[in-house]
Amino acid sequence: MSETTSTKTPVDFWFDPLCPWAWMTSRWVLEVEKVRDIEVRWHIMSLAVLNEDRVDELPEEYREMLKVKAWQPVRVATAAGQKHGADVLGPLYTALGTRIHNNGEDHLEAIAGALADVGLPADLIDYAGQKDFEFDAELRASHKEGISKVGQDVGTPVIAVPGADGEQIAFFGPVVTPAPKGEEAAKLWDGTLLVASVPGFYEIKRTRTKGPDFSNL
C-alpha cells in the first residue's frame, strides 16, 4: 500500500474497472473528496479472480464475460500501475469507466482510448490478452489485500479508512445509484463511517421500490 505525506485522511478504494456498481461508488467518493478532508488511494481487485473457482456454476451469460472480458481492463490497469506508478490508477480508472460505463464502448476500444486519454503508452493494451500475464502475482496480491478485509461473499468496491484506534475500518459498498453529489454525498459518507465504526456491525439493506438508475453514469 502506498504511503502518503498528505494530512488528509487516506481512503483506500479497491475497484474492478468492469463493475458498474464500483463505478457509481467511485464517482460518489470523488464527490466526497471535494467536501471532506479525505484523499482517495486506488487499488485493483478483480471480479475474474473472485469468481474463477466458481465461474462454471454461474449463469451462462456471465461465463464468457468472467473468463475473457473481465481480465482485459484489470490486467491493463495493473500493468499500468506496476510500470508507471500507482498515481496513474485514478485517472486511468476514470478514463476507462467513462468509456465503458458512460459511453458503452467495447472493452478493447475503451482500453485503447483510455490509455490515450491519460497519456499512457498505447502498447499497454497488449497486456489485455497476454497469455501468461506478467503481473499476475501483483494483481492477485492487490485483490487479496482488498477482499481479505471484508470476506469472500462480496464484490467490488471495497473501501478502507482509518478507525479511531488506528486500525482500518473496511466495508463493501455502499452500493448507490445515482451517485449523490455535494452535501448529499457528504451525508452518505458520514453515515457510512458511523455504522461501519460500530463494533460488530455486519450488514444493512433497505427496501428497493425501483430498479437501479444508471442514467447519470
Foldseek 3Di string as FASTA:
>chain_A
DDDDPDPFWEKEKEDQLQDPQQVQQVVLVVLLVVPGRYDYFYFYAFPLVLCVVPLVVDPPVCNVCSVAVRQQVRLLLQVCCVVPNSVVNVQLSVQLNCCCQVVVDRNLVSNQRSCVVSVHDSCSSVQRPDPPRPCPVVRVVRNCVQCVLQHSPADDMKMWTQAPVRDIQIDHDPRDPNRDHDVVSVVVVVVVVVQSRDPPRRDDDDDDPDDGDSPPD
